[in-house]
Amino acid sequence: MSSPTDSVVVTTVVTADPDTTFALFTDEVDAWWKTGPRFRGPGGTLRFEPGEGGRLIQQDTDGSEFEFGRISVWKPGERLVFGWRNRNFASGEITEVEVQFEAAGASTRVTVIHRGWDALRPDHPSRHGLEGSAFSAMMGVWWGDQALALRLLVKQRNG
């Protein structure tokens, strides 16, 4: 059984139907996923390779690629699950992100569940010296920033 600090859950509501929201989430990930050392490496282009077995990768400006993770579930308009690691993860260290798209009237409730943090050692660089609920709160803010960026992109694209 996982601990209460093993996962982070963030929810937002966007003004588009689930199919459109899924498409914007995946097709335009580079437009809403923030750049910079806190979110991903500088420069380059982030993209999903569609379908199960596809990857979430960043093509860096020097032509090299970094794989953040592989897609295990690809159900447009419903659900997306992919592995996630950042550049300071060792080989074999990976967490999992599940994104649920649920109709909410004319809008979509997007729920992001990022789990698997208990598998990383307490002194892991991704924890920034934080443990337990302090680390979970930091990751909640991180995903909250991403959710806001997605919400703004959907609003921009859909008027």
N, C-alpha and C. Protein backbone atom coordinates (compact mmCIF):
# COMPACT_ATOMS: atom_id res chain seq x y z
N MET A 1 0.84 -1.18 0.00
CA MET A 1 0.00 0.00 0.00
C MET A 1 0.89 1.25 0.00
N SER A 2 0.53 2.21 -0.82
CA SER A 2 1.36 3.41 -0.90
C SER A 2 1.02 4.37 0.23
N SER A 3 1.96 5.26 0.49
CA SER A 3 1.77 6.25 1.55
C SER A 3 0.96 7.43 1.03
N PRO A 4 0.44 8.27 1.93
CA PRO A 4 -0.31 9.44 1.48
C PRO A 4 0.55 10.45 0.72
N THR A 5 1.87 10.33 0.81
CA THR A 5 2.74 11.27 0.12
C THR A 5 3.35 10.66 -1.15
N ASP A 6 2.88 9.47 -1.56
CA ASP A 6 3.40 8.82 -2.75
C ASP A 6 2.87 9.46 -4.03
N SER A 7 1.72 10.14 -3.94
CA SER A 7 1.13 10.72 -5.15
C SER A 7 0.63 12.13 -4.90
N VAL A 8 0.50 12.84 -6.00
CA VAL A 8 -0.02 14.20 -5.99
C VAL A 8 -1.20 14.22 -6.96
N VAL A 9 -2.30 14.86 -6.57
CA VAL A 9 -3.48 14.96 -7.43
C VAL A 9 -3.82 16.42 -7.62
N VAL A 10 -3.95 16.83 -8.88
CA VAL A 10 -4.32 18.20 -9.22
C VAL A 10 -5.46 18.13 -10.22
N THR A 11 -6.47 18.96 -10.03
CA THR A 11 -7.64 18.99 -10.91
C THR A 11 -7.89 20.42 -11.37
N THR A 12 -8.27 20.53 -12.64
CA THR A 12 -8.69 21.82 -13.18
C THR A 12 -9.84 21.57 -14.14
N VAL A 13 -10.60 22.60 -14.44
CA VAL A 13 -11.69 22.51 -15.41
C VAL A 13 -11.37 23.46 -16.55
N VAL A 14 -11.45 22.94 -17.78
CA VAL A 14 -11.17 23.75 -18.96
C VAL A 14 -12.42 23.84 -19.83
N THR A 15 -12.51 24.90 -20.61
CA THR A 15 -13.71 25.18 -21.41
C THR A 15 -13.62 24.56 -22.80
N ALA A 16 -13.57 23.25 -22.83
CA ALA A 16 -13.58 22.49 -24.08
C ALA A 16 -14.06 21.08 -23.76
N ASP A 17 -14.51 20.36 -24.77
CA ASP A 17 -14.97 18.99 -24.57
C ASP A 17 -13.75 18.08 -24.34
N PRO A 18 -13.98 16.86 -23.83
CA PRO A 18 -12.85 15.97 -23.51
C PRO A 18 -11.96 15.62 -24.71
N ASP A 19 -12.54 15.41 -25.89
CA ASP A 19 -11.70 15.07 -27.05
C ASP A 19 -10.79 16.23 -27.42
N THR A 20 -11.32 17.44 -27.44
CA THR A 20 -10.51 18.62 -27.76
C THR A 20 -9.44 18.83 -26.70
N THR A 21 -9.81 18.67 -25.43
CA THR A 21 -8.86 18.87 -24.34
C THR A 21 -7.72 17.85 -24.42
N PHE A 22 -8.06 16.60 -24.69
CA PHE A 22 -7.04 15.56 -24.84
C PHE A 22 -6.09 15.92 -25.98
N ALA A 23 -6.66 16.35 -27.10
CA ALA A 23 -5.83 16.72 -28.25
C ALA A 23 -4.91 17.89 -27.93
N LEU A 24 -5.42 18.90 -27.24
CA LEU A 24 -4.57 20.03 -26.87
C LEU A 24 -3.50 19.60 -25.86
N PHE A 25 -3.88 18.75 -24.92
CA PHE A 25 -2.93 18.26 -23.92
C PHE A 25 -1.77 17.54 -24.60
N THR A 26 -2.08 16.69 -25.56
CA THR A 26 -1.05 15.85 -26.18
C THR A 26 -0.40 16.51 -27.40
N ASP A 27 -1.20 17.06 -28.31
CA ASP A 27 -0.65 17.63 -29.55
C ASP A 27 0.10 18.93 -29.31
N GLU A 28 -0.30 19.68 -28.29
CA GLU A 28 0.32 20.98 -28.04
C GLU A 28 1.02 21.05 -26.69
N VAL A 29 1.55 19.90 -26.26
CA VAL A 29 2.22 19.84 -24.97
C VAL A 29 3.35 20.87 -24.87
N ASP A 30 4.03 21.13 -25.98
CA ASP A 30 5.12 22.11 -25.94
C ASP A 30 4.62 23.52 -25.69
N ALA A 31 3.35 23.80 -26.03
CA ALA A 31 2.80 25.14 -25.84
C ALA A 31 2.38 25.40 -24.40
N TRP A 32 1.99 24.35 -23.66
CA TRP A 32 1.52 24.60 -22.28
C TRP A 32 2.51 24.13 -21.21
N TRP A 33 3.34 23.14 -21.49
CA TRP A 33 4.29 22.65 -20.48
C TRP A 33 5.40 23.68 -20.37
N LYS A 34 5.51 24.25 -19.22
CA LYS A 34 6.43 25.37 -19.01
C LYS A 34 7.89 24.95 -19.22
N THR A 35 8.71 25.93 -19.59
CA THR A 35 10.13 25.69 -19.79
C THR A 35 10.92 26.25 -18.61
N GLY A 36 12.20 25.98 -18.60
CA GLY A 36 13.06 26.47 -17.53
C GLY A 36 13.46 25.34 -16.60
N PRO A 37 14.44 25.58 -15.75
CA PRO A 37 15.00 24.52 -14.91
C PRO A 37 13.98 23.88 -13.97
N ARG A 38 12.94 24.60 -13.60
CA ARG A 38 11.94 24.05 -12.69
C ARG A 38 11.01 23.06 -13.40
N PHE A 39 10.86 23.18 -14.72
CA PHE A 39 9.87 22.38 -15.44
C PHE A 39 10.47 21.40 -16.44
N ARG A 40 11.46 21.84 -17.19
CA ARG A 40 12.18 20.98 -18.15
C ARG A 40 13.38 21.77 -18.63
N GLY A 41 14.23 21.12 -19.35
CA GLY A 41 15.42 21.80 -19.83
C GLY A 41 15.09 22.98 -20.73
N PRO A 42 15.98 23.93 -20.80
CA PRO A 42 15.76 25.09 -21.65
C PRO A 42 15.86 24.72 -23.13
N GLY A 43 15.13 25.45 -23.93
CA GLY A 43 15.17 25.22 -25.38
C GLY A 43 14.57 23.89 -25.75
N GLY A 44 14.57 23.60 -27.00
CA GLY A 44 14.06 22.32 -27.46
C GLY A 44 12.55 22.31 -27.55
N THR A 45 12.04 21.20 -28.03
CA THR A 45 10.61 21.01 -28.26
C THR A 45 10.14 19.74 -27.57
N LEU A 46 9.08 19.85 -26.80
CA LEU A 46 8.50 18.72 -26.09
C LEU A 46 7.35 18.17 -26.94
N ARG A 47 7.27 16.84 -27.03
CA ARG A 47 6.17 16.25 -27.79
C ARG A 47 5.86 14.83 -27.33
N PHE A 48 4.59 14.46 -27.51
CA PHE A 48 4.16 13.08 -27.32
C PHE A 48 4.20 12.38 -28.65
N GLU A 49 4.67 11.15 -28.66
CA GLU A 49 4.49 10.27 -29.81
C GLU A 49 3.20 9.52 -29.53
N PRO A 50 2.16 9.73 -30.34
CA PRO A 50 0.83 9.18 -30.03
C PRO A 50 0.80 7.66 -29.90
N GLY A 51 -0.09 7.19 -29.04
CA GLY A 51 -0.37 5.77 -28.90
C GLY A 51 0.43 5.11 -27.80
N GLU A 52 -0.10 3.94 -27.39
CA GLU A 52 0.58 3.17 -26.37
C GLU A 52 1.94 2.75 -26.89
N GLY A 53 2.96 2.90 -26.06
CA GLY A 53 4.32 2.61 -26.46
C GLY A 53 5.04 3.84 -26.99
N GLY A 54 4.28 4.92 -27.29
CA GLY A 54 4.90 6.17 -27.72
C GLY A 54 5.66 6.79 -26.55
N ARG A 55 6.36 7.86 -26.84
CA ARG A 55 7.19 8.49 -25.81
C ARG A 55 6.79 9.95 -25.61
N LEU A 56 7.12 10.46 -24.43
CA LEU A 56 7.12 11.90 -24.19
C LEU A 56 8.58 12.27 -24.25
N ILE A 57 8.96 13.06 -25.26
CA ILE A 57 10.36 13.39 -25.46
C ILE A 57 10.55 14.89 -25.66
N GLN A 58 11.75 15.32 -25.37
CA GLN A 58 12.15 16.68 -25.69
C GLN A 58 13.30 16.59 -26.68
N GLN A 59 13.10 17.23 -27.83
CA GLN A 59 14.18 17.35 -28.82
C GLN A 59 14.91 18.64 -28.50
N ASP A 60 16.15 18.51 -28.07
CA ASP A 60 16.94 19.67 -27.68
C ASP A 60 17.45 20.41 -28.91
N THR A 61 17.86 21.64 -28.71
CA THR A 61 18.30 22.48 -29.82
C THR A 61 19.54 21.92 -30.52
N ASP A 62 20.31 21.07 -29.84
CA ASP A 62 21.49 20.46 -30.47
C ASP A 62 21.14 19.19 -31.23
N GLY A 63 19.83 18.85 -31.30
CA GLY A 63 19.38 17.67 -32.03
C GLY A 63 19.26 16.42 -31.18
N SER A 64 19.77 16.45 -29.96
CA SER A 64 19.66 15.28 -29.08
C SER A 64 18.24 15.19 -28.52
N GLU A 65 17.87 14.01 -28.04
CA GLU A 65 16.55 13.79 -27.46
C GLU A 65 16.69 13.31 -26.03
N PHE A 66 15.74 13.72 -25.20
CA PHE A 66 15.64 13.19 -23.84
C PHE A 66 14.24 12.60 -23.69
N GLU A 67 14.18 11.35 -23.27
CA GLU A 67 12.90 10.67 -23.06
C GLU A 67 12.46 10.85 -21.61
N PHE A 68 11.35 11.56 -21.43
CA PHE A 68 10.77 11.71 -20.10
C PHE A 68 10.05 10.44 -19.69
N GLY A 69 9.42 9.74 -20.64
CA GLY A 69 8.73 8.51 -20.31
C GLY A 69 8.00 7.92 -21.49
N ARG A 70 7.48 6.72 -21.29
CA ARG A 70 6.71 5.99 -22.31
C ARG A 70 5.23 5.96 -21.95
N ILE A 71 4.42 5.96 -22.97
CA ILE A 71 2.96 5.95 -22.79
C ILE A 71 2.49 4.51 -22.61
N SER A 72 1.74 4.28 -21.54
CA SER A 72 1.17 2.94 -21.30
C SER A 72 -0.33 2.90 -21.58
N VAL A 73 -1.01 4.04 -21.50
CA VAL A 73 -2.44 4.11 -21.81
C VAL A 73 -2.68 5.35 -22.66
N TRP A 74 -3.34 5.17 -23.79
CA TRP A 74 -3.66 6.27 -24.72
C TRP A 74 -5.11 6.10 -25.14
N LYS A 75 -6.03 6.76 -24.45
CA LYS A 75 -7.46 6.68 -24.76
C LYS A 75 -7.95 8.11 -24.97
N PRO A 76 -7.88 8.60 -26.23
CA PRO A 76 -8.26 9.99 -26.50
C PRO A 76 -9.62 10.36 -25.91
N GLY A 77 -9.63 11.52 -25.26
CA GLY A 77 -10.85 12.02 -24.64
C GLY A 77 -11.18 11.40 -23.29
N GLU A 78 -10.37 10.42 -22.86
CA GLU A 78 -10.67 9.72 -21.60
C GLU A 78 -9.48 9.70 -20.64
N ARG A 79 -8.37 9.13 -21.10
CA ARG A 79 -7.29 8.82 -20.16
C ARG A 79 -5.95 8.71 -20.87
N LEU A 80 -4.92 9.18 -20.18
CA LEU A 80 -3.55 9.09 -20.66
C LEU A 80 -2.68 8.71 -19.47
N VAL A 81 -1.82 7.73 -19.63
CA VAL A 81 -0.88 7.34 -18.57
C VAL A 81 0.50 7.22 -19.20
N PHE A 82 1.47 7.87 -18.56
CA PHE A 82 2.83 7.79 -19.08
C PHE A 82 3.84 7.81 -17.94
N GLY A 83 4.97 7.18 -18.19
CA GLY A 83 6.06 7.24 -17.24
C GLY A 83 6.66 8.63 -17.26
N TRP A 84 7.24 9.04 -16.14
CA TRP A 84 7.85 10.36 -16.08
C TRP A 84 9.10 10.31 -15.24
N ARG A 85 10.14 10.90 -15.81
CA ARG A 85 11.41 11.07 -15.11
C ARG A 85 12.00 12.38 -15.59
N ASN A 86 12.84 12.98 -14.79
CA ASN A 86 13.51 14.17 -15.29
C ASN A 86 14.99 13.86 -15.47
N ARG A 87 15.73 14.85 -15.85
CA ARG A 87 17.12 14.62 -16.25
C ARG A 87 18.02 14.21 -15.08
N ASN A 88 17.59 14.41 -13.84
CA ASN A 88 18.44 14.00 -12.72
C ASN A 88 18.02 12.65 -12.14
N PHE A 89 17.15 11.92 -12.83
CA PHE A 89 16.80 10.57 -12.41
C PHE A 89 17.87 9.61 -12.94
N ALA A 90 18.23 8.63 -12.13
CA ALA A 90 19.16 7.59 -12.57
C ALA A 90 18.40 6.60 -13.45
N SER A 91 19.13 5.80 -14.17
CA SER A 91 18.52 4.76 -14.99
C SER A 91 17.62 3.89 -14.11
N GLY A 92 16.41 3.64 -14.56
CA GLY A 92 15.48 2.81 -13.81
C GLY A 92 14.61 3.57 -12.83
N GLU A 93 14.96 4.83 -12.53
CA GLU A 93 14.10 5.64 -11.65
C GLU A 93 13.02 6.29 -12.52
N ILE A 94 11.77 6.03 -12.16
CA ILE A 94 10.67 6.58 -12.95
C ILE A 94 9.43 6.68 -12.08
N THR A 95 8.63 7.70 -12.34
CA THR A 95 7.34 7.85 -11.68
C THR A 95 6.28 7.72 -12.77
N GLU A 96 5.02 7.83 -12.40
CA GLU A 96 3.94 7.65 -13.37
C GLU A 96 2.94 8.80 -13.27
N VAL A 97 2.51 9.28 -14.42
CA VAL A 97 1.50 10.33 -14.50
C VAL A 97 0.27 9.76 -15.18
N GLU A 98 -0.88 9.92 -14.53
CA GLU A 98 -2.16 9.54 -15.11
C GLU A 98 -2.98 10.81 -15.26
N VAL A 99 -3.56 11.00 -16.44
CA VAL A 99 -4.38 12.17 -16.71
C VAL A 99 -5.76 11.67 -17.12
N GLN A 100 -6.78 12.12 -16.39
CA GLN A 100 -8.16 11.74 -16.68
C GLN A 100 -8.91 12.94 -17.24
N PHE A 101 -9.69 12.70 -18.28
CA PHE A 101 -10.48 13.73 -18.94
C PHE A 101 -11.95 13.35 -18.78
N GLU A 102 -12.70 14.16 -18.03
CA GLU A 102 -14.09 13.83 -17.70
C GLU A 102 -14.99 15.00 -18.07
N ALA A 103 -16.03 14.69 -18.86
CA ALA A 103 -16.99 15.73 -19.24
C ALA A 103 -17.60 16.35 -18.00
N ALA A 104 -17.71 17.68 -18.03
CA ALA A 104 -18.33 18.45 -16.93
C ALA A 104 -19.19 19.52 -17.60
N GLY A 105 -20.37 19.11 -18.07
CA GLY A 105 -21.21 20.02 -18.84
C GLY A 105 -20.54 20.28 -20.17
N ALA A 106 -20.37 21.55 -20.53
CA ALA A 106 -19.70 21.92 -21.78
C ALA A 106 -18.18 21.99 -21.61
N SER A 107 -17.70 21.65 -20.44
CA SER A 107 -16.27 21.74 -20.12
C SER A 107 -15.70 20.34 -19.86
N THR A 108 -14.44 20.31 -19.48
CA THR A 108 -13.77 19.05 -19.14
C THR A 108 -13.02 19.21 -17.82
N ARG A 109 -13.22 18.27 -16.93
CA ARG A 109 -12.44 18.20 -15.69
C ARG A 109 -11.20 17.37 -16.01
N VAL A 110 -10.06 17.98 -15.84
CA VAL A 110 -8.78 17.31 -16.08
C VAL A 110 -8.16 17.02 -14.71
N THR A 111 -7.91 15.76 -14.44
CA THR A 111 -7.30 15.35 -13.18
C THR A 111 -5.96 14.71 -13.48
N VAL A 112 -4.92 15.24 -12.88
CA VAL A 112 -3.57 14.71 -13.03
C VAL A 112 -3.19 14.03 -11.72
N ILE A 113 -2.80 12.77 -11.82
CA ILE A 113 -2.33 12.01 -10.66
C ILE A 113 -0.88 11.61 -10.96
N HIS A 114 0.04 12.14 -10.18
CA HIS A 114 1.46 11.83 -10.37
C HIS A 114 1.89 10.98 -9.18
N ARG A 115 2.20 9.72 -9.45
CA ARG A 115 2.48 8.78 -8.37
C ARG A 115 3.83 8.08 -8.57
N GLY A 116 4.25 7.41 -7.52
CA GLY A 116 5.48 6.63 -7.57
C GLY A 116 6.65 7.31 -6.87
N TRP A 117 6.37 8.37 -6.14
CA TRP A 117 7.44 9.12 -5.49
C TRP A 117 8.11 8.34 -4.36
N ASP A 118 7.40 7.42 -3.72
CA ASP A 118 8.00 6.64 -2.63
C ASP A 118 9.14 5.76 -3.11
N ALA A 119 9.20 5.49 -4.42
CA ALA A 119 10.27 4.66 -4.97
C ALA A 119 11.60 5.41 -5.04
N LEU A 120 11.56 6.74 -4.91
CA LEU A 120 12.79 7.54 -4.96
C LEU A 120 13.33 7.77 -3.56
N ARG A 121 14.60 7.64 -3.41
CA ARG A 121 15.23 7.78 -2.09
C ARG A 121 14.96 9.16 -1.48
N PRO A 122 14.96 9.26 -0.17
CA PRO A 122 14.67 10.53 0.51
C PRO A 122 15.60 11.68 0.12
N ASP A 123 16.84 11.38 -0.24
CA ASP A 123 17.77 12.45 -0.61
C ASP A 123 17.86 12.67 -2.13
N HIS A 124 16.88 12.17 -2.87
CA HIS A 124 16.89 12.32 -4.33
C HIS A 124 16.86 13.80 -4.71
N PRO A 125 17.64 14.22 -5.70
CA PRO A 125 17.68 15.64 -6.09
C PRO A 125 16.31 16.22 -6.44
N SER A 126 15.40 15.40 -6.97
CA SER A 126 14.06 15.91 -7.33
C SER A 126 13.25 16.33 -6.11
N ARG A 127 13.64 15.87 -4.95
CA ARG A 127 12.91 16.23 -3.74
C ARG A 127 13.33 17.59 -3.18
N HIS A 128 14.43 18.14 -3.66
CA HIS A 128 14.90 19.47 -3.23
C HIS A 128 14.98 19.59 -1.71
N GLY A 129 15.37 18.50 -1.05
CA GLY A 129 15.54 18.51 0.39
C GLY A 129 14.23 18.41 1.17
N LEU A 130 13.12 18.22 0.47
CA LEU A 130 11.81 18.15 1.14
C LEU A 130 11.36 16.70 1.31
N GLU A 131 10.61 16.46 2.35
CA GLU A 131 10.07 15.12 2.60
C GLU A 131 8.58 15.20 2.88
N GLY A 132 7.92 14.06 2.79
CA GLY A 132 6.53 13.94 3.19
C GLY A 132 5.61 14.96 2.57
N SER A 133 4.78 15.56 3.42
CA SER A 133 3.76 16.49 2.92
C SER A 133 4.37 17.76 2.33
N ALA A 134 5.55 18.16 2.77
CA ALA A 134 6.20 19.35 2.18
C ALA A 134 6.57 19.08 0.73
N PHE A 135 7.07 17.87 0.44
CA PHE A 135 7.40 17.51 -0.93
C PHE A 135 6.12 17.41 -1.76
N SER A 136 5.09 16.76 -1.22
CA SER A 136 3.82 16.64 -1.94
C SER A 136 3.23 18.01 -2.26
N ALA A 137 3.32 18.93 -1.31
CA ALA A 137 2.81 20.29 -1.54
C ALA A 137 3.59 20.97 -2.66
N MET A 138 4.91 20.82 -2.67
CA MET A 138 5.72 21.41 -3.74
C MET A 138 5.31 20.85 -5.10
N MET A 139 5.13 19.53 -5.18
CA MET A 139 4.73 18.92 -6.45
C MET A 139 3.31 19.33 -6.84
N GLY A 140 2.45 19.54 -5.86
CA GLY A 140 1.10 20.03 -6.15
C GLY A 140 1.14 21.40 -6.78
N VAL A 141 2.00 22.28 -6.26
CA VAL A 141 2.16 23.61 -6.85
C VAL A 141 2.73 23.49 -8.26
N TRP A 142 3.69 22.60 -8.46
CA TRP A 142 4.31 22.39 -9.77
C TRP A 142 3.25 22.00 -10.79
N TRP A 143 2.44 20.98 -10.45
CA TRP A 143 1.39 20.54 -11.37
C TRP A 143 0.28 21.59 -11.48
N GLY A 144 0.02 22.33 -10.41
CA GLY A 144 -0.96 23.41 -10.48
C GLY A 144 -0.55 24.47 -11.49
N ASP A 145 0.74 24.80 -11.52
CA ASP A 145 1.25 25.74 -12.52
C ASP A 145 1.05 25.19 -13.93
N GLN A 146 1.30 23.92 -14.11
CA GLN A 146 1.11 23.29 -15.42
C GLN A 146 -0.38 23.28 -15.81
N ALA A 147 -1.24 22.97 -14.85
CA ALA A 147 -2.69 22.93 -15.13
C ALA A 147 -3.20 24.32 -15.53
N LEU A 148 -2.70 25.35 -14.87
CA LEU A 148 -3.10 26.71 -15.23
C LEU A 148 -2.64 27.04 -16.65
N ALA A 149 -1.43 26.65 -17.00
CA ALA A 149 -0.93 26.89 -18.36
C ALA A 149 -1.80 26.16 -19.39
N LEU A 150 -2.22 24.93 -19.08
CA LEU A 150 -3.12 24.19 -19.98
C LEU A 150 -4.45 24.91 -20.10
N ARG A 151 -5.00 25.33 -18.97
CA ARG A 151 -6.29 26.02 -18.98
C ARG A 151 -6.23 27.29 -19.83
N LEU A 152 -5.15 28.04 -19.72
CA LEU A 152 -4.98 29.27 -20.52
C LEU A 152 -4.84 28.95 -22.00
N LEU A 153 -4.13 27.88 -22.34
CA LEU A 153 -4.00 27.48 -23.74
C LEU A 153 -5.36 27.09 -24.32
N VAL A 154 -6.12 26.31 -23.58
CA VAL A 154 -7.45 25.89 -24.07
C VAL A 154 -8.32 27.13 -24.27
N LYS A 155 -8.30 28.05 -23.33
CA LYS A 155 -9.09 29.28 -23.47
C LYS A 155 -8.65 30.07 -24.70
N GLN A 156 -7.35 30.16 -24.92
CA GLN A 156 -6.82 30.89 -26.08
C GLN A 156 -7.26 30.22 -27.39
N ARG A 157 -7.19 28.88 -27.45
CA ARG A 157 -7.52 28.17 -28.68
C ARG A 157 -9.03 28.16 -28.95
N ASN A 158 -9.83 28.16 -27.89
CA ASN A 158 -11.28 28.03 -28.06
C ASN A 158 -12.03 29.34 -27.87
N GLY A 159 -11.30 30.42 -27.65
CA GLY A 159 -11.94 31.74 -27.52
C GLY A 159 -12.56 31.98 -26.25
